[in-house]
Protein backbone atom coordinates (compact mmCIF):
# COMPACT_ATOMS: atom_id res chain seq x y z
CA UNK A 1 -122.57 35.41 7.88
CA UNK A 2 -125.36 36.13 10.45
CA UNK A 3 -126.20 32.36 11.00
CA UNK A 4 -126.86 30.80 14.38
CA UNK A 5 -127.05 27.32 12.69
CA UNK A 6 -123.64 27.86 11.04
CA UNK A 7 -122.23 29.08 14.61
CA UNK A 8 -123.67 25.94 16.13
CA UNK A 9 -122.15 23.72 13.25
CA UNK A 10 -118.79 25.56 13.75
CA UNK A 11 -118.60 24.95 17.45
CA UNK A 12 -119.59 21.31 16.78
CA UNK A 13 -116.64 21.05 14.22
CA UNK A 14 -114.41 22.70 16.92
CA UNK A 15 -115.40 20.02 19.40
CA UNK A 16 -114.79 17.36 16.62
CA UNK A 17 -111.13 18.71 16.15
CA UNK A 18 -110.62 18.61 19.94
CA UNK A 19 -111.82 15.11 20.10
CA UNK A 20 -109.41 14.13 17.31
CA UNK A 21 -106.53 15.27 19.35
CA UNK A 22 -107.87 13.24 22.40
CA UNK A 23 -108.55 10.06 20.51
CA UNK A 24 -105.01 10.07 18.96
CA UNK A 25 -103.55 10.57 22.54
CA UNK A 26 -105.88 7.79 23.89
CA UNK A 27 -105.07 5.23 21.12
CA UNK A 28 -101.22 5.95 21.67
CA UNK A 29 -101.63 5.33 25.50
CA UNK A 30 -103.92 2.09 24.72
CA UNK A 31 -101.12 0.55 22.60
CA UNK A 32 -98.54 0.46 25.44
CA UNK A 33 -97.71 -3.13 26.57
CA UNK A 34 -98.82 -4.71 29.93
CA UNK A 35 -96.65 -3.76 32.92
CA UNK A 36 -96.57 -4.21 36.64
CA UNK A 37 -99.39 -1.67 37.16
CA UNK A 38 -101.56 -2.68 34.27
CA UNK A 39 -101.16 -6.46 33.83
CA UNK A 40 -103.95 -6.76 31.29
CA UNK A 41 -102.56 -3.90 29.17
CA UNK A 42 -103.75 -0.33 28.65
CA UNK A 43 -106.71 -0.87 26.32
CA UNK A 44 -109.15 0.95 28.55
CA UNK A 45 -107.33 4.19 27.69
CA UNK A 46 -109.05 3.94 24.34
CA UNK A 47 -112.47 3.48 25.93
CA UNK A 48 -111.60 6.60 28.11
CA UNK A 49 -110.90 8.50 24.98
CA UNK A 50 -114.38 7.54 23.68
CA UNK A 51 -115.90 8.73 27.01
CA UNK A 52 -113.99 12.10 26.50
CA UNK A 53 -115.60 12.54 23.10
CA UNK A 54 -119.02 11.88 24.39
CA UNK A 55 -118.59 14.37 27.40
CA UNK A 56 -117.27 16.82 24.94
CA UNK A 57 -120.45 16.48 22.70
CA UNK A 58 -122.75 16.89 25.74
CA UNK A 59 -120.97 20.07 26.87
CA UNK A 60 -121.00 21.58 23.24
CA UNK A 61 -124.58 20.78 22.88
CA UNK A 62 -125.70 22.43 26.28
CA UNK A 63 -123.63 25.38 25.40
CA UNK A 64 -124.72 25.88 21.72
CA UNK A 65 -128.41 25.08 22.87
CA UNK A 66 -128.35 27.87 25.52
CA UNK A 67 -127.39 30.39 23.03
CA UNK A 68 -129.80 29.27 20.29
CA UNK A 69 -132.83 29.22 22.55
CA UNK A 70 -131.85 32.72 23.84
CA UNK A 71 -131.74 34.04 20.36
CA UNK A 72 -135.05 32.45 19.36
CA UNK A 73 -136.84 33.74 22.54
CA UNK A 74 -135.43 37.10 22.22
CA UNK A 75 -136.40 37.43 18.54
CA UNK A 76 -132.75 38.17 17.64
CA UNK A 77 -132.94 36.26 14.35
CA UNK A 78 -130.94 37.63 11.55
CA UNK A 79 -130.99 36.68 7.77
CA UNK A 80 -127.80 34.69 6.73
CA UNK A 81 -125.85 35.71 3.76
CA UNK A 82 -124.59 33.52 0.88
CA UNK A 83 -121.21 32.81 2.46
CA UNK A 84 -122.97 30.83 5.27
CA UNK A 85 -124.73 28.67 2.65
CA UNK A 86 -121.47 27.93 0.89
CA UNK A 87 -119.62 27.36 4.07
CA UNK A 88 -122.31 24.85 5.32
CA UNK A 89 -122.19 22.95 2.02
CA UNK A 90 -118.44 22.69 1.90
CA UNK A 91 -118.41 21.43 5.66
CA UNK A 92 -121.00 18.84 4.79
CA UNK A 93 -118.82 17.31 1.93
CA UNK A 94 -115.64 17.43 3.90
CA UNK A 95 -117.25 15.95 7.08
CA UNK A 96 -118.83 13.08 5.39
CA UNK A 97 -115.38 12.13 3.64
CA UNK A 98 -113.85 12.29 6.97
CA UNK A 99 -116.73 10.09 8.70
CA UNK A 100 -116.37 7.50 5.97
CA UNK A 101 -112.43 7.34 6.20
CA UNK A 102 -112.67 7.20 10.01
CA UNK A 103 -115.18 4.27 10.18
CA UNK A 104 -113.12 2.22 7.76
CA UNK A 105 -110.17 2.70 10.03
CA UNK A 106 -112.29 1.82 13.16
CA UNK A 107 -113.52 -1.34 11.52
CA UNK A 108 -109.90 -2.28 10.26
CA UNK A 109 -108.42 -1.78 13.92
CA UNK A 110 -111.54 -2.90 15.72
CA UNK A 111 -111.35 0.28 17.71
CA UNK A 112 -114.17 1.70 19.99
CA UNK A 113 -112.53 5.00 20.05
CA UNK A 114 -112.15 5.40 16.35
CA UNK A 115 -115.82 4.18 15.98
CA UNK A 116 -116.91 6.79 18.48
CA UNK A 117 -115.02 9.38 16.49
CA UNK A 118 -116.48 8.40 13.26
CA UNK A 119 -120.02 8.81 14.64
CA UNK A 120 -118.98 12.15 15.86
CA UNK A 121 -117.80 13.04 12.32
CA UNK A 122 -121.10 11.72 10.82
CA UNK A 123 -123.10 13.84 13.23
CA UNK A 124 -121.09 16.87 12.20
CA UNK A 125 -122.01 16.09 8.59
CA UNK A 126 -125.60 15.85 9.57
CA UNK A 127 -125.38 19.20 11.43
CA UNK A 128 -123.75 20.75 8.26
CA UNK A 129 -126.58 19.52 6.18
CA UNK A 130 -129.15 20.95 8.77
CA UNK A 131 -127.25 24.28 8.95
CA UNK A 132 -127.46 24.51 5.10
CA UNK A 133 -131.29 23.81 5.31
CA UNK A 134 -131.69 26.48 8.05
CA UNK A 135 -129.65 28.99 6.08
CA UNK A 136 -131.82 28.45 2.91
CA UNK A 137 -134.94 28.83 4.87
CA UNK A 138 -133.83 31.91 6.66
CA UNK A 139 -132.80 33.38 3.28
CA UNK A 140 -136.20 32.39 1.82
CA UNK A 141 -137.92 34.67 4.52
CA UNK A 142 -138.30 32.51 7.56
CA UNK A 143 -135.60 34.20 9.75
CA UNK A 144 -136.55 32.07 12.78
CA UNK A 145 -135.66 28.91 10.80
CA UNK A 146 -131.94 29.56 11.46
CA UNK A 147 -132.26 29.47 15.24
CA UNK A 148 -134.76 26.47 15.13
CA UNK A 149 -132.15 24.44 13.04
CA UNK A 150 -129.53 25.51 15.53
CA UNK A 151 -131.59 23.97 18.38
CA UNK A 152 -132.11 20.91 16.00
CA UNK A 153 -128.36 20.56 15.68
CA UNK A 154 -128.11 20.74 19.51
CA UNK A 155 -130.70 17.88 20.00
CA UNK A 156 -128.55 15.78 17.65
CA UNK A 157 -125.39 16.63 19.41
CA UNK A 158 -126.96 15.65 22.81
CA UNK A 159 -128.31 12.40 21.37
CA UNK A 160 -125.01 11.36 20.08
CA UNK A 161 -123.08 12.40 23.13
CA UNK A 162 -125.62 10.35 25.26
CA UNK A 163 -125.37 7.34 23.13
CA UNK A 164 -121.67 7.35 23.03
CA UNK A 165 -121.38 8.01 26.75
CA UNK A 166 -123.58 4.97 27.54
CA UNK A 167 -121.62 2.66 25.03
CA UNK A 168 -118.27 3.55 26.25
CA UNK A 169 -119.20 3.54 30.08
CA UNK A 170 -120.55 -0.06 29.54
CA UNK A 171 -117.28 -0.93 27.87
CA UNK A 172 -115.28 0.48 30.54
CA UNK A 173 -117.28 -1.46 33.03
CA UNK A 174 -116.97 -4.62 31.20
CA UNK A 175 -120.76 -5.26 30.99
CA UNK A 176 -121.89 -8.33 29.43
CA UNK A 177 -123.59 -7.90 26.00
CA UNK A 178 -127.32 -8.23 25.95
CA UNK A 179 -128.67 -11.80 25.91
CA UNK A 180 -130.12 -11.38 22.46
CA UNK A 181 -126.57 -10.64 20.96
CA UNK A 182 -125.19 -13.66 22.94
CA UNK A 183 -127.98 -15.91 21.52
CA UNK A 184 -127.23 -14.69 18.01
CA UNK A 185 -123.49 -15.19 18.46
CA UNK A 186 -123.97 -18.72 19.74
CA UNK A 187 -126.28 -19.73 16.89
CA UNK A 188 -123.71 -18.51 14.48
CA UNK A 189 -121.06 -20.36 16.16
CA UNK A 190 -122.99 -23.64 16.19
CA UNK A 191 -123.90 -23.05 12.43
CA UNK A 192 -127.50 -22.51 13.25
CA UNK A 193 -127.69 -18.98 11.95
């Protein structure tokens, strides 16, 4: 359909699907009971799954970004066709539904891996919205807008990847929460907040 933004969105979706498989495997491994080698259980497997999602986001972002920047600099922008717009809009609706469902499951199970995956789905929905806008702008005569939106999607992907990498790394290292969070928690516990 001649849309760099839609290609970026599609690769983001492919990374999302791969992360779903990784998260399911990590969740299965994390539910195993404690044993001689893991006296505290296997719950860190879930955090490793979240790290895997973040690394996948970062790799996907760099790959897509390289292609989008090359297209923009070379002036290889094309005018997308209507199927690109319909695909982006359908993708937006489906991904937002999936993000909300996964976030509910993450809260119900108190799962950092599912929370990471829900945020990944949300970023995927946002990238679909951006892709639709880029396609519309390119169809309106600004052909470069499609590549610019693809680069914007890359920045979103890289930001989400970095945030998730940081959060899951801190969890894996058993880092103490920020003092402000502990103070609020203590105030709530004592009935002061």
